[in-house]
Amino acid sequence: MLVVNQTSADLSDAYLGNADLSNAYLRGADLSDTNLRDANLRGADLRGADLSRAHLGGADLSRAHLLCANLSRADLRGADLSVTKLILYKLMVLVLEVV
C-alpha cells in the first residue's frame, strides 16, 4: 500500500489507474483530468479536492470523504460509492451510471 499525505497536492493530468490510494489524505488536492480508473480510493480523504474531468470508472470510492469535492464532468461509471460521504460543491454533467 502506498502511503500518501498530500494536502493541496497538484496531481492534475496524472496517470493513477489501478493505484492503491486507500486511506490516502488528499484533502484539497488537484486531481483534475487525472486517470484514476480502477484505483483503490477506499477511505481516502478527498474533501475539497478538484476531481473535475477525472476518469474514475471502476474506482473503489467506498467510505471515501468527498465533502465539497468538485466532480464536474467526472466519469464515475462503475465506481463503488457505497457508504461514501458525498456533499458536492460542484456537480455539473457528472457521468454516473446507476445500477
N, C-alpha and C. Protein backbone atom coordinates (compact mmCIF):
# COMPACT_ATOMS: atom_id res chain seq x y z
N MET A 1 0.84 -1.18 0.00
CA MET A 1 0.00 0.00 0.00
C MET A 1 0.88 1.24 0.00
N LEU A 2 0.52 2.19 -0.82
CA LEU A 2 1.22 3.46 -0.91
C LEU A 2 0.69 4.40 0.16
N VAL A 3 1.56 4.99 0.95
CA VAL A 3 1.14 5.95 1.96
C VAL A 3 1.24 7.34 1.36
N VAL A 4 0.10 8.02 1.30
CA VAL A 4 0.05 9.34 0.68
C VAL A 4 -0.54 10.33 1.66
N ASN A 5 0.16 11.43 1.88
CA ASN A 5 -0.35 12.52 2.71
C ASN A 5 -0.02 13.80 1.96
N GLN A 6 -0.89 14.20 1.07
CA GLN A 6 -0.62 15.33 0.18
C GLN A 6 -1.75 16.35 0.23
N THR A 7 -1.71 17.24 1.17
CA THR A 7 -2.69 18.31 1.22
C THR A 7 -2.40 19.29 0.11
N SER A 8 -3.40 19.63 -0.67
CA SER A 8 -3.30 20.59 -1.78
C SER A 8 -2.26 20.20 -2.83
N ALA A 9 -1.99 18.93 -2.99
CA ALA A 9 -1.02 18.46 -3.99
C ALA A 9 -1.56 18.68 -5.40
N ASP A 10 -0.68 18.93 -6.35
CA ASP A 10 -1.07 19.07 -7.75
C ASP A 10 -0.76 17.76 -8.48
N LEU A 11 -1.80 16.97 -8.67
CA LEU A 11 -1.67 15.69 -9.38
C LEU A 11 -2.51 15.72 -10.65
N SER A 12 -2.76 16.92 -11.16
CA SER A 12 -3.58 17.06 -12.36
C SER A 12 -2.91 16.36 -13.54
N ASP A 13 -3.72 15.76 -14.38
CA ASP A 13 -3.27 15.05 -15.58
C ASP A 13 -2.40 13.82 -15.30
N ALA A 14 -2.37 13.36 -14.07
CA ALA A 14 -1.54 12.20 -13.72
C ALA A 14 -2.23 10.90 -14.12
N TYR A 15 -1.44 9.85 -14.31
CA TYR A 15 -1.99 8.52 -14.55
C TYR A 15 -1.85 7.74 -13.24
N LEU A 16 -2.99 7.48 -12.60
CA LEU A 16 -3.00 6.74 -11.35
C LEU A 16 -3.96 5.56 -11.44
N GLY A 17 -4.16 5.07 -12.65
CA GLY A 17 -5.03 3.91 -12.85
C GLY A 17 -4.51 2.72 -12.08
N ASN A 18 -5.41 2.01 -11.41
CA ASN A 18 -5.10 0.82 -10.61
C ASN A 18 -4.24 1.10 -9.38
N ALA A 19 -4.00 2.36 -9.07
CA ALA A 19 -3.16 2.70 -7.91
C ALA A 19 -3.90 2.39 -6.61
N ASP A 20 -3.15 2.00 -5.58
CA ASP A 20 -3.73 1.78 -4.26
C ASP A 20 -3.55 3.06 -3.45
N LEU A 21 -4.60 3.85 -3.39
CA LEU A 21 -4.60 5.10 -2.63
C LEU A 21 -5.58 5.00 -1.47
N SER A 22 -5.77 3.78 -0.98
CA SER A 22 -6.71 3.58 0.13
C SER A 22 -6.24 4.36 1.35
N ASN A 23 -7.18 5.04 1.98
CA ASN A 23 -6.94 5.86 3.17
C ASN A 23 -5.96 7.01 2.94
N ALA A 24 -5.73 7.38 1.69
CA ALA A 24 -4.82 8.49 1.37
C ALA A 24 -5.43 9.81 1.84
N TYR A 25 -4.58 10.73 2.27
CA TYR A 25 -5.00 12.07 2.69
C TYR A 25 -4.71 13.02 1.53
N LEU A 26 -5.74 13.30 0.74
CA LEU A 26 -5.60 14.14 -0.45
C LEU A 26 -6.54 15.34 -0.37
N ARG A 27 -6.72 15.84 0.82
CA ARG A 27 -7.63 16.97 1.03
C ARG A 27 -7.15 18.19 0.24
N GLY A 28 -8.06 18.73 -0.60
CA GLY A 28 -7.75 19.92 -1.38
C GLY A 28 -6.83 19.68 -2.56
N ALA A 29 -6.53 18.42 -2.87
CA ALA A 29 -5.61 18.11 -3.97
C ALA A 29 -6.24 18.42 -5.33
N ASP A 30 -5.40 18.76 -6.29
CA ASP A 30 -5.85 18.98 -7.67
C ASP A 30 -5.67 17.67 -8.43
N LEU A 31 -6.77 16.99 -8.65
CA LEU A 31 -6.78 15.73 -9.38
C LEU A 31 -7.57 15.89 -10.68
N SER A 32 -7.65 17.11 -11.17
CA SER A 32 -8.40 17.37 -12.40
C SER A 32 -7.74 16.66 -13.58
N ASP A 33 -8.57 16.09 -14.43
CA ASP A 33 -8.11 15.38 -15.63
C ASP A 33 -7.23 14.17 -15.33
N THR A 34 -7.26 13.69 -14.11
CA THR A 34 -6.43 12.55 -13.70
C THR A 34 -7.12 11.23 -14.04
N ASN A 35 -6.35 10.26 -14.48
CA ASN A 35 -6.87 8.93 -14.76
C ASN A 35 -6.75 8.10 -13.48
N LEU A 36 -7.90 7.82 -12.87
CA LEU A 36 -7.97 7.03 -11.66
C LEU A 36 -8.82 5.78 -11.88
N ARG A 37 -8.86 5.31 -13.13
CA ARG A 37 -9.67 4.13 -13.44
C ARG A 37 -9.20 2.93 -12.62
N ASP A 38 -10.18 2.27 -12.01
CA ASP A 38 -9.94 1.06 -11.21
C ASP A 38 -8.99 1.30 -10.04
N ALA A 39 -8.80 2.54 -9.63
CA ALA A 39 -7.94 2.85 -8.48
C ALA A 39 -8.67 2.50 -7.18
N ASN A 40 -7.90 2.18 -6.16
CA ASN A 40 -8.46 1.91 -4.83
C ASN A 40 -8.35 3.19 -4.01
N LEU A 41 -9.48 3.88 -3.85
CA LEU A 41 -9.54 5.11 -3.05
C LEU A 41 -10.41 4.88 -1.82
N ARG A 42 -10.52 3.64 -1.41
CA ARG A 42 -11.35 3.27 -0.26
C ARG A 42 -10.88 4.03 0.98
N GLY A 43 -11.79 4.79 1.59
CA GLY A 43 -11.49 5.52 2.81
C GLY A 43 -10.61 6.75 2.61
N ALA A 44 -10.35 7.13 1.37
CA ALA A 44 -9.50 8.30 1.09
C ALA A 44 -10.18 9.59 1.51
N ASP A 45 -9.40 10.54 1.99
CA ASP A 45 -9.91 11.86 2.36
C ASP A 45 -9.70 12.79 1.17
N LEU A 46 -10.77 13.03 0.43
CA LEU A 46 -10.73 13.87 -0.77
C LEU A 46 -11.56 15.14 -0.57
N ARG A 47 -11.72 15.55 0.68
CA ARG A 47 -12.52 16.74 0.96
C ARG A 47 -11.90 17.96 0.28
N GLY A 48 -12.75 18.67 -0.48
CA GLY A 48 -12.30 19.87 -1.16
C GLY A 48 -11.39 19.63 -2.35
N ALA A 49 -11.23 18.38 -2.75
CA ALA A 49 -10.35 18.06 -3.89
C ALA A 49 -11.03 18.43 -5.20
N ASP A 50 -10.21 18.76 -6.19
CA ASP A 50 -10.71 19.05 -7.53
C ASP A 50 -10.57 17.79 -8.38
N LEU A 51 -11.69 17.12 -8.60
CA LEU A 51 -11.73 15.91 -9.41
C LEU A 51 -12.46 16.18 -10.73
N SER A 52 -12.47 17.42 -11.14
CA SER A 52 -13.17 17.76 -12.38
C SER A 52 -12.52 17.04 -13.56
N ARG A 53 -13.37 16.47 -14.39
CA ARG A 53 -12.96 15.74 -15.59
C ARG A 53 -12.08 14.51 -15.28
N ALA A 54 -12.07 14.07 -14.03
CA ALA A 54 -11.28 12.88 -13.66
C ALA A 54 -11.97 11.62 -14.19
N HIS A 55 -11.17 10.64 -14.51
CA HIS A 55 -11.67 9.36 -15.00
C HIS A 55 -11.64 8.38 -13.83
N LEU A 56 -12.83 8.11 -13.25
CA LEU A 56 -12.93 7.29 -12.06
C LEU A 56 -13.71 6.00 -12.31
N GLY A 57 -13.81 5.59 -13.56
CA GLY A 57 -14.54 4.38 -13.89
C GLY A 57 -13.97 3.16 -13.17
N GLY A 58 -14.82 2.44 -12.47
CA GLY A 58 -14.40 1.23 -11.78
C GLY A 58 -13.62 1.47 -10.50
N ALA A 59 -13.43 2.73 -10.12
CA ALA A 59 -12.66 3.04 -8.90
C ALA A 59 -13.45 2.66 -7.65
N ASP A 60 -12.74 2.26 -6.61
CA ASP A 60 -13.37 1.96 -5.32
C ASP A 60 -13.30 3.22 -4.47
N LEU A 61 -14.43 3.91 -4.36
CA LEU A 61 -14.53 5.12 -3.54
C LEU A 61 -15.35 4.85 -2.29
N SER A 62 -15.50 3.58 -1.93
CA SER A 62 -16.30 3.25 -0.76
C SER A 62 -15.64 3.85 0.50
N ARG A 63 -16.48 4.40 1.33
CA ARG A 63 -16.06 5.04 2.59
C ARG A 63 -15.14 6.26 2.39
N ALA A 64 -15.06 6.76 1.16
CA ALA A 64 -14.24 7.95 0.89
C ALA A 64 -14.98 9.20 1.36
N HIS A 65 -14.23 10.23 1.68
CA HIS A 65 -14.79 11.52 2.10
C HIS A 65 -14.67 12.48 0.92
N LEU A 66 -15.82 12.84 0.34
CA LEU A 66 -15.84 13.71 -0.83
C LEU A 66 -16.59 15.01 -0.55
N LEU A 67 -16.64 15.41 0.71
CA LEU A 67 -17.33 16.64 1.06
C LEU A 67 -16.70 17.82 0.33
N CYS A 68 -17.52 18.60 -0.34
CA CYS A 68 -17.08 19.81 -1.07
C CYS A 68 -16.09 19.51 -2.20
N ALA A 69 -16.04 18.28 -2.67
CA ALA A 69 -15.18 17.95 -3.80
C ALA A 69 -15.83 18.43 -5.09
N ASN A 70 -15.01 18.84 -6.04
CA ASN A 70 -15.50 19.27 -7.34
C ASN A 70 -15.47 18.07 -8.28
N LEU A 71 -16.64 17.56 -8.63
CA LEU A 71 -16.74 16.40 -9.52
C LEU A 71 -17.38 16.78 -10.85
N SER A 72 -17.25 18.03 -11.24
CA SER A 72 -17.86 18.44 -12.50
C SER A 72 -17.19 17.72 -13.67
N ARG A 73 -18.02 17.15 -14.51
CA ARG A 73 -17.60 16.40 -15.70
C ARG A 73 -16.74 15.16 -15.38
N ALA A 74 -16.80 14.70 -14.14
CA ALA A 74 -16.07 13.48 -13.76
C ALA A 74 -16.84 12.26 -14.27
N ASP A 75 -16.12 11.23 -14.64
CA ASP A 75 -16.72 9.98 -15.11
C ASP A 75 -16.65 8.97 -13.97
N LEU A 76 -17.82 8.66 -13.39
CA LEU A 76 -17.89 7.73 -12.27
C LEU A 76 -18.59 6.43 -12.64
N ARG A 77 -18.67 6.13 -13.92
CA ARG A 77 -19.35 4.90 -14.34
C ARG A 77 -18.65 3.68 -13.76
N GLY A 78 -19.43 2.88 -13.04
CA GLY A 78 -18.90 1.66 -12.46
C GLY A 78 -18.13 1.85 -11.17
N ALA A 79 -18.05 3.08 -10.68
CA ALA A 79 -17.33 3.35 -9.42
C ALA A 79 -18.17 2.88 -8.23
N ASP A 80 -17.51 2.41 -7.20
CA ASP A 80 -18.18 1.99 -5.97
C ASP A 80 -18.23 3.18 -5.02
N LEU A 81 -19.44 3.70 -4.80
CA LEU A 81 -19.63 4.85 -3.91
C LEU A 81 -20.35 4.45 -2.63
N SER A 82 -20.30 3.17 -2.26
CA SER A 82 -21.02 2.73 -1.07
C SER A 82 -20.45 3.37 0.20
N VAL A 83 -21.33 3.82 1.04
CA VAL A 83 -21.02 4.48 2.31
C VAL A 83 -20.07 5.66 2.12
N THR A 84 -20.17 6.33 1.00
CA THR A 84 -19.31 7.48 0.71
C THR A 84 -19.98 8.74 1.22
N LYS A 85 -19.21 9.60 1.88
CA LYS A 85 -19.73 10.89 2.34
C LYS A 85 -19.62 11.85 1.17
N LEU A 86 -20.78 12.20 0.61
CA LEU A 86 -20.80 12.92 -0.65
C LEU A 86 -21.74 14.11 -0.57
N ILE A 87 -21.20 15.25 -0.24
CA ILE A 87 -21.93 16.51 -0.34
C ILE A 87 -21.12 17.32 -1.32
N LEU A 88 -21.68 17.54 -2.48
CA LEU A 88 -20.90 18.09 -3.57
C LEU A 88 -20.90 19.61 -3.62
N TYR A 89 -19.75 20.12 -3.90
CA TYR A 89 -19.57 21.55 -4.10
C TYR A 89 -19.98 21.92 -5.52
N LYS A 90 -19.48 21.21 -6.47
CA LYS A 90 -19.84 21.43 -7.87
C LYS A 90 -20.14 20.08 -8.51
N LEU A 91 -21.30 20.01 -9.12
CA LEU A 91 -21.69 18.77 -9.79
C LEU A 91 -22.36 19.16 -11.10
N MET A 92 -21.56 19.22 -12.14
CA MET A 92 -22.08 19.61 -13.44
C MET A 92 -21.72 18.54 -14.46
N VAL A 93 -22.72 18.00 -15.10
CA VAL A 93 -22.54 16.98 -16.13
C VAL A 93 -21.71 15.81 -15.59
N LEU A 94 -22.11 15.33 -14.44
CA LEU A 94 -21.46 14.16 -13.84
C LEU A 94 -21.92 12.92 -14.59
N VAL A 95 -20.99 12.11 -15.03
CA VAL A 95 -21.34 10.89 -15.75
C VAL A 95 -21.38 9.77 -14.72
N LEU A 96 -22.60 9.34 -14.40
CA LEU A 96 -22.78 8.34 -13.36
C LEU A 96 -23.83 7.35 -13.82
N GLU A 97 -23.48 6.10 -13.81
CA GLU A 97 -24.41 5.06 -14.22
C GLU A 97 -24.94 4.40 -12.95
N VAL A 98 -26.23 4.57 -12.70
CA VAL A 98 -26.83 3.99 -11.50
C VAL A 98 -27.42 2.64 -11.87
N VAL A 99 -27.03 1.62 -11.11
CA VAL A 99 -27.49 0.27 -11.39
C VAL A 99 -28.42 -0.18 -10.29
